[in-house]
Amino acid sequence: MEPESQERMRSTTVSGTVLGIFSLLFWSSTVAFGRRLTEDLGVWTATSIAFIVAGLASCLFWSVRYRGLQKLYCQRPAYLWGSGGFFILYIVCLYGSIGLAGNRQQVLEVGILNYLWPALTLVLSVPILGNRPRWTLWPGLLFAVSGGVLVLAQQGALSWDTWQRNITAQPIPYVLALLGAFAWALYSNLSRRYGPPSGVGAQPLFVLGAGIILLVFRAFAHEQPSWTPAAYLMLAFTSIFTVTLAYAFWDYAMRTGKIVLLVALSYLIPVLSTALSAVLLGIKPGVVVWAACVLVVAGALVCRASVIEDRG
């Protein structure tokens, strides 16, 4: 390969990785701002507006830049429909779990469950991307899952009866959070395998598609939004940073950046998200919540050390 081509590829990898880091920083605010928004506007009202606005803005930007949307939808079907489908599923599950949580304490719990996705991304990279695992991958996954189990049982003594009682009391937010973690892990790996290695991905279409699906949910909901100055500001922040920029950056990063490094850095999100949520939502996380958070992070770290990235 020519030196010029090598330098161009190296520059693309660096830029993709840096943009991926910004995505992680923006996403640290998702749980806190998402809950505040859904409390003011309703789950489906807030999310449908945020994603439709972000999707239309992104499509308009790419249309002007590339003189049309052909490059957005002229993608491999496995990427367009596979990655796109899992992206939309993740968005519905994530914001559904945050908005439907019975109280702010439960918001922290579903947030930690959602952040099982870094460990799951690494585990699923073995069959999807051909990465090679070490035997320690499975203990790492067990650590991460143990954190999820702990946070579900944290309202009582740690036992099967307590865990089952807490799950059956209000299962939907927990189920959605866990399903969302799997959906994002699949999205990240499928984007890497089937998405274009550089250039334009279909992320604007994914965001717009998510907004349309959320709007369908909104049509069947009986929400009464309370439009306040704070709600407008949080909606603007969510639309611009948490949605438009964060998902665009991550889509590009998964196709061009160092995926294992980015997943490794994403281990900080549960800690940052829990701390930010505690401040903005006025919650004092208990010792068990922090212990569950540490187990999820530790499990992801072990998984990272246990996966050898395919260079082919």
Protein backbone atom coordinates (compact mmCIF):
# COMPACT_ATOMS: atom_id res chain seq x y z
CA MET A 1 0.00 0.00 0.00
CA GLU A 2 1.21 3.47 -0.89
CA PRO A 3 2.42 5.67 2.03
CA GLU A 4 -0.18 8.29 1.12
CA SER A 5 -2.98 5.72 1.31
CA GLN A 6 -1.67 4.42 4.63
CA GLU A 7 -1.60 7.94 6.05
CA ARG A 8 -5.14 8.60 4.84
CA MET A 9 -6.39 5.38 6.45
CA ARG A 10 -4.57 6.22 9.69
CA SER A 11 -6.14 9.69 9.73
CA THR A 12 -9.60 8.20 9.17
CA THR A 13 -9.11 5.76 12.04
CA VAL A 14 -7.99 8.52 14.41
CA SER A 15 -10.88 10.82 13.51
CA GLY A 16 -13.38 7.98 13.87
CA THR A 17 -12.01 7.11 17.30
CA VAL A 18 -12.08 10.74 18.51
CA LEU A 19 -15.66 11.22 17.37
CA GLY A 20 -16.59 7.98 19.12
CA ILE A 21 -15.21 9.40 22.38
CA PHE A 22 -17.41 12.49 22.01
CA SER A 23 -20.40 10.19 21.52
CA LEU A 24 -19.65 8.48 24.82
CA LEU A 25 -19.46 11.83 26.62
CA PHE A 26 -22.79 12.96 25.18
CA TRP A 27 -24.44 9.67 26.08
CA SER A 28 -23.45 10.00 29.72
CA SER A 29 -26.31 12.51 30.02
CA THR A 30 -28.92 10.29 28.34
CA VAL A 31 -30.46 8.76 31.46
CA ALA A 32 -30.70 12.01 33.44
CA PHE A 33 -31.97 14.25 30.64
CA GLY A 34 -34.16 11.48 29.23
CA ARG A 35 -35.95 11.07 32.56
CA ARG A 36 -36.38 14.83 33.08
CA LEU A 37 -37.80 15.17 29.58
CA THR A 38 -40.24 12.29 29.92
CA GLU A 39 -41.47 13.66 33.26
CA ASP A 40 -42.30 17.00 31.62
CA LEU A 41 -43.45 15.93 28.16
CA GLY A 42 -44.22 12.23 28.35
CA VAL A 43 -42.14 9.29 27.13
CA TRP A 44 -43.26 9.17 23.53
CA THR A 45 -43.88 12.90 23.02
CA ALA A 46 -40.36 13.86 24.08
CA THR A 47 -38.53 11.11 22.22
CA SER A 48 -40.55 11.32 19.00
CA ILE A 49 -39.96 15.06 18.70
CA ALA A 50 -36.25 14.76 19.53
CA PHE A 51 -35.59 12.00 16.99
CA ILE A 52 -37.75 13.38 14.18
CA VAL A 53 -36.12 16.81 14.50
CA ALA A 54 -32.67 15.24 14.64
CA GLY A 55 -33.42 12.89 11.75
CA LEU A 56 -34.76 15.64 9.49
CA ALA A 57 -31.82 17.91 10.34
CA SER A 58 -29.33 15.14 9.61
CA CYS A 59 -31.01 14.21 6.31
CA LEU A 60 -31.08 17.87 5.27
CA PHE A 61 -27.39 18.26 6.10
CA TRP A 62 -26.36 15.20 4.09
CA SER A 63 -28.67 16.17 1.22
CA VAL A 64 -26.98 19.56 0.91
CA ARG A 65 -23.49 18.15 1.33
CA TYR A 66 -23.88 15.26 -1.10
CA ARG A 67 -26.58 16.77 -3.34
CA GLY A 68 -29.22 14.22 -2.50
CA LEU A 69 -29.90 11.30 -0.21
CA GLN A 70 -28.82 8.53 -2.59
CA LYS A 71 -25.64 7.85 -0.63
CA LEU A 72 -27.69 7.39 2.51
CA TYR A 73 -30.01 4.67 1.27
CA CYS A 74 -27.73 3.06 -1.34
CA GLN A 75 -26.20 0.75 1.26
CA ARG A 76 -25.91 -2.99 1.71
CA PRO A 77 -29.31 -4.42 2.78
CA ALA A 78 -27.73 -6.16 5.78
CA TYR A 79 -26.51 -2.78 7.03
CA LEU A 80 -29.56 -0.73 6.08
CA TRP A 81 -32.18 -3.09 7.46
CA GLY A 82 -30.18 -5.14 9.96
CA SER A 83 -28.26 -2.36 11.67
CA GLY A 84 -31.15 0.06 11.18
CA GLY A 85 -33.66 -2.32 12.74
CA PHE A 86 -31.52 -2.91 15.82
CA PHE A 87 -30.87 0.84 16.13
CA ILE A 88 -34.60 1.60 16.21
CA LEU A 89 -35.23 -1.27 18.64
CA TYR A 90 -32.54 0.09 20.95
CA ILE A 91 -33.98 3.60 20.97
CA VAL A 92 -37.50 2.37 21.76
CA CYS A 93 -36.19 0.11 24.54
CA LEU A 94 -33.81 2.67 26.07
CA TYR A 95 -36.18 5.60 26.32
CA GLY A 96 -39.12 3.33 27.08
CA SER A 97 -37.28 1.87 30.07
CA ILE A 98 -36.28 5.34 31.32
CA GLY A 99 -39.71 6.87 30.87
CA LEU A 100 -41.73 3.94 32.20
CA ALA A 101 -39.60 3.48 35.33
CA GLY A 102 -41.81 3.80 38.38
CA ASN A 103 -39.53 6.28 40.16
CA ARG A 104 -36.15 7.97 39.84
CA GLN A 105 -34.40 5.27 41.84
CA GLN A 106 -35.53 2.72 39.28
CA VAL A 107 -34.15 4.99 36.55
CA LEU A 108 -30.65 4.39 37.96
CA GLU A 109 -31.29 0.65 38.00
CA VAL A 110 -32.45 0.40 34.37
CA GLY A 111 -29.56 2.67 33.40
CA ILE A 112 -27.07 0.20 34.82
CA LEU A 113 -28.82 -2.70 33.07
CA ASN A 114 -28.62 -0.80 29.78
CA TYR A 115 -24.87 -0.44 30.24
CA LEU A 116 -24.37 -4.17 29.94
CA TRP A 117 -23.96 -3.40 26.22
CA PRO A 118 -20.16 -2.92 26.26
CA ALA A 119 -19.60 -6.46 27.57
CA LEU A 120 -22.26 -7.84 25.22
CA THR A 121 -20.69 -6.00 22.26
CA LEU A 122 -17.36 -7.69 22.93
CA VAL A 123 -18.94 -11.12 23.40
CA LEU A 124 -20.96 -10.82 20.18
CA SER A 125 -17.92 -9.56 18.27
CA VAL A 126 -16.59 -13.13 18.45
CA PRO A 127 -19.26 -14.75 16.21
CA ILE A 128 -20.05 -11.62 14.15
CA LEU A 129 -16.61 -10.08 13.52
CA GLY A 130 -14.45 -13.14 13.98
CA ASN A 131 -12.57 -11.79 16.98
CA ARG A 132 -10.75 -14.42 19.03
CA PRO A 133 -11.76 -15.00 22.66
CA ARG A 134 -9.70 -16.06 25.64
CA TRP A 135 -11.26 -18.28 28.28
CA THR A 136 -11.58 -15.28 30.62
CA LEU A 137 -14.28 -13.82 28.38
CA TRP A 138 -16.95 -15.90 30.11
CA PRO A 139 -16.00 -14.98 33.69
CA GLY A 140 -16.00 -11.34 32.51
CA LEU A 141 -19.52 -11.71 31.16
CA LEU A 142 -20.53 -13.35 34.45
CA PHE A 143 -19.19 -10.34 36.39
CA ALA A 144 -21.20 -7.95 34.23
CA VAL A 145 -24.39 -9.98 34.47
CA SER A 146 -23.89 -10.27 38.25
CA GLY A 147 -24.01 -6.48 38.41
CA GLY A 148 -27.36 -6.54 36.63
CA VAL A 149 -28.70 -9.20 38.99
CA LEU A 150 -27.47 -7.25 42.01
CA VAL A 151 -29.17 -4.04 40.99
CA LEU A 152 -32.43 -5.93 40.51
CA ALA A 153 -32.26 -7.45 43.99
CA GLN A 154 -30.94 -4.35 45.75
CA GLN A 155 -34.21 -3.49 47.48
CA GLY A 156 -33.96 -6.51 49.75
CA ALA A 157 -31.77 -9.40 50.79
CA LEU A 158 -29.98 -10.99 47.87
CA SER A 159 -31.97 -14.14 47.16
CA TRP A 160 -33.93 -15.75 44.35
CA ASP A 161 -37.25 -14.79 46.02
CA THR A 162 -36.20 -11.13 46.36
CA TRP A 163 -34.94 -10.97 42.80
CA GLN A 164 -38.13 -12.56 41.47
CA ARG A 165 -40.33 -10.27 43.58
CA ASN A 166 -38.60 -7.10 42.36
CA ILE A 167 -38.81 -8.25 38.74
CA THR A 168 -42.48 -9.20 38.88
CA ALA A 169 -43.45 -5.96 40.68
CA GLN A 170 -42.64 -3.83 37.62
CA PRO A 171 -40.89 -5.90 34.93
CA ILE A 172 -41.32 -3.79 31.78
CA PRO A 173 -38.56 -1.18 32.39
CA TYR A 174 -36.04 -3.91 33.29
CA VAL A 175 -36.95 -6.08 30.30
CA LEU A 176 -36.70 -3.10 27.94
CA ALA A 177 -33.31 -2.06 29.36
CA LEU A 178 -31.87 -5.55 28.94
CA LEU A 179 -33.33 -5.98 25.45
CA GLY A 180 -31.90 -2.58 24.53
CA ALA A 181 -28.43 -3.64 25.67
CA PHE A 182 -28.54 -6.64 23.32
CA ALA A 183 -29.93 -4.49 20.47
CA TRP A 184 -27.10 -1.94 20.74
CA ALA A 185 -24.44 -4.64 20.90
CA LEU A 186 -25.83 -6.18 17.72
CA TYR A 187 -26.12 -2.77 16.02
CA SER A 188 -22.50 -1.89 16.77
CA ASN A 189 -21.14 -5.19 15.45
CA LEU A 190 -23.35 -5.33 12.36
CA SER A 191 -22.41 -1.74 11.48
CA ARG A 192 -18.77 -2.74 11.63
CA ARG A 193 -19.28 -5.83 9.49
CA TYR A 194 -21.74 -4.60 6.87
CA GLY A 195 -21.48 -0.80 6.93
CA PRO A 196 -19.31 1.19 4.51
CA PRO A 197 -15.73 1.39 5.85
CA SER A 198 -15.65 5.14 5.28
CA GLY A 199 -17.80 7.93 3.94
CA VAL A 200 -21.55 8.15 4.44
CA GLY A 201 -23.45 5.74 6.65
CA ALA A 202 -27.23 5.56 6.92
CA GLN A 203 -27.40 6.95 10.46
CA PRO A 204 -29.67 9.92 9.53
CA LEU A 205 -32.21 7.44 8.16
CA PHE A 206 -31.92 5.32 11.30
CA VAL A 207 -32.60 8.34 13.52
CA LEU A 208 -35.55 9.48 11.39
CA GLY A 209 -36.92 5.93 11.33
CA ALA A 210 -36.72 5.77 15.12
CA GLY A 211 -38.57 9.09 15.35
CA ILE A 212 -41.38 7.81 13.13
CA ILE A 213 -41.77 4.61 15.16
CA LEU A 214 -41.80 6.64 18.38
CA LEU A 215 -44.46 8.92 16.85
CA VAL A 216 -46.62 5.84 16.21
CA PHE A 217 -46.33 4.97 19.91
CA ARG A 218 -47.20 8.59 20.71
CA ALA A 219 -50.43 8.32 18.69
CA PHE A 220 -51.70 5.60 21.01
CA ALA A 221 -50.57 7.26 24.23
CA HIS A 222 -52.57 9.75 26.28
CA GLU A 223 -49.82 12.15 27.25
CA GLN A 224 -50.30 15.75 28.31
CA PRO A 225 -47.00 17.58 27.81
CA SER A 226 -46.02 20.42 30.12
CA TRP A 227 -44.03 22.86 28.00
CA THR A 228 -41.67 24.83 30.25
CA PRO A 229 -38.47 26.76 29.41
CA ALA A 230 -36.46 23.95 30.99
CA ALA A 231 -38.25 21.39 28.82
CA TYR A 232 -37.42 23.35 25.67
CA LEU A 233 -33.75 23.58 26.65
CA MET A 234 -33.46 19.88 27.49
CA LEU A 235 -35.25 18.93 24.27
CA ALA A 236 -32.85 21.09 22.25
CA PHE A 237 -29.82 19.58 23.99
CA THR A 238 -31.12 16.05 23.47
CA SER A 239 -31.94 16.65 19.79
CA ILE A 240 -28.61 18.28 18.93
CA PHE A 241 -26.02 16.55 21.09
CA THR A 242 -27.42 13.31 22.50
CA VAL A 243 -29.13 12.31 19.24
CA THR A 244 -27.89 14.14 16.12
CA LEU A 245 -24.19 14.36 16.92
CA ALA A 246 -23.74 11.39 19.25
CA TYR A 247 -25.33 8.79 16.97
CA ALA A 248 -23.72 10.22 13.83
CA PHE A 249 -20.31 10.16 15.51
CA TRP A 250 -20.81 6.62 16.83
CA ASP A 251 -21.97 5.27 13.47
CA TYR A 252 -18.84 6.68 11.85
CA ALA A 253 -16.66 5.43 14.70
CA MET A 254 -18.01 1.87 14.45
CA ARG A 255 -17.17 1.83 10.75
CA THR A 256 -13.77 3.49 10.85
CA GLY A 257 -12.43 3.76 14.40
CA LYS A 258 -10.85 1.33 16.83
CA ILE A 259 -13.95 -0.54 17.98
CA VAL A 260 -12.28 -2.44 20.84
CA LEU A 261 -10.69 0.76 22.21
CA LEU A 262 -13.99 2.64 22.02
CA VAL A 263 -15.85 -0.16 23.75
CA ALA A 264 -13.13 -0.14 26.42
CA LEU A 265 -13.60 3.61 26.97
CA SER A 266 -17.34 3.13 27.14
CA TYR A 267 -16.80 1.36 30.47
CA LEU A 268 -16.69 4.80 32.05
CA ILE A 269 -20.26 5.58 30.98
CA PRO A 270 -22.06 3.67 33.79
CA VAL A 271 -20.06 5.58 36.40
CA LEU A 272 -20.44 8.98 34.69
CA SER A 273 -24.12 8.38 33.95
CA THR A 274 -24.93 7.25 37.48
CA ALA A 275 -23.11 10.23 39.00
CA LEU A 276 -24.74 12.74 36.63
CA SER A 277 -28.18 11.20 37.13
CA ALA A 278 -27.77 11.35 40.90
CA VAL A 279 -27.03 15.09 40.69
CA LEU A 280 -29.67 16.08 38.12
CA LEU A 281 -32.41 13.83 39.47
CA GLY A 282 -31.69 14.46 43.13
CA ILE A 283 -31.04 10.81 44.01
CA LYS A 284 -28.50 9.41 46.43
CA PRO A 285 -27.36 6.04 44.99
CA GLY A 286 -27.00 3.38 47.65
CA VAL A 287 -23.95 1.21 48.19
CA VAL A 288 -25.56 -1.67 46.32
CA VAL A 289 -26.20 0.48 43.24
CA TRP A 290 -22.54 1.54 43.14
CA ALA A 291 -21.45 -2.08 43.72
CA ALA A 292 -23.61 -3.19 40.79
CA CYS A 293 -22.11 -0.41 38.67
CA VAL A 294 -18.58 -1.54 39.58
CA LEU A 295 -19.40 -5.17 38.70
CA VAL A 296 -20.73 -4.12 35.28
CA VAL A 297 -17.59 -2.07 34.61
CA ALA A 298 -15.26 -4.79 35.92
CA GLY A 299 -16.99 -7.40 33.78
CA ALA A 300 -16.61 -5.25 30.68
CA LEU A 301 -12.91 -4.70 31.46
CA VAL A 302 -12.32 -8.43 31.76
CA CYS A 303 -14.19 -8.98 28.49
CA ARG A 304 -12.01 -6.33 26.82
CA ALA A 305 -8.83 -8.10 27.97
CA SER A 306 -10.29 -11.39 26.73
CA VAL A 307 -11.01 -10.43 23.11
CA ILE A 308 -8.31 -10.34 20.45
CA GLU A 309 -9.45 -8.03 17.67
CA ASP A 310 -9.45 -9.46 14.15
CA ARG A 311 -7.02 -7.51 11.95
CA GLY A 312 -8.17 -9.04 8.70
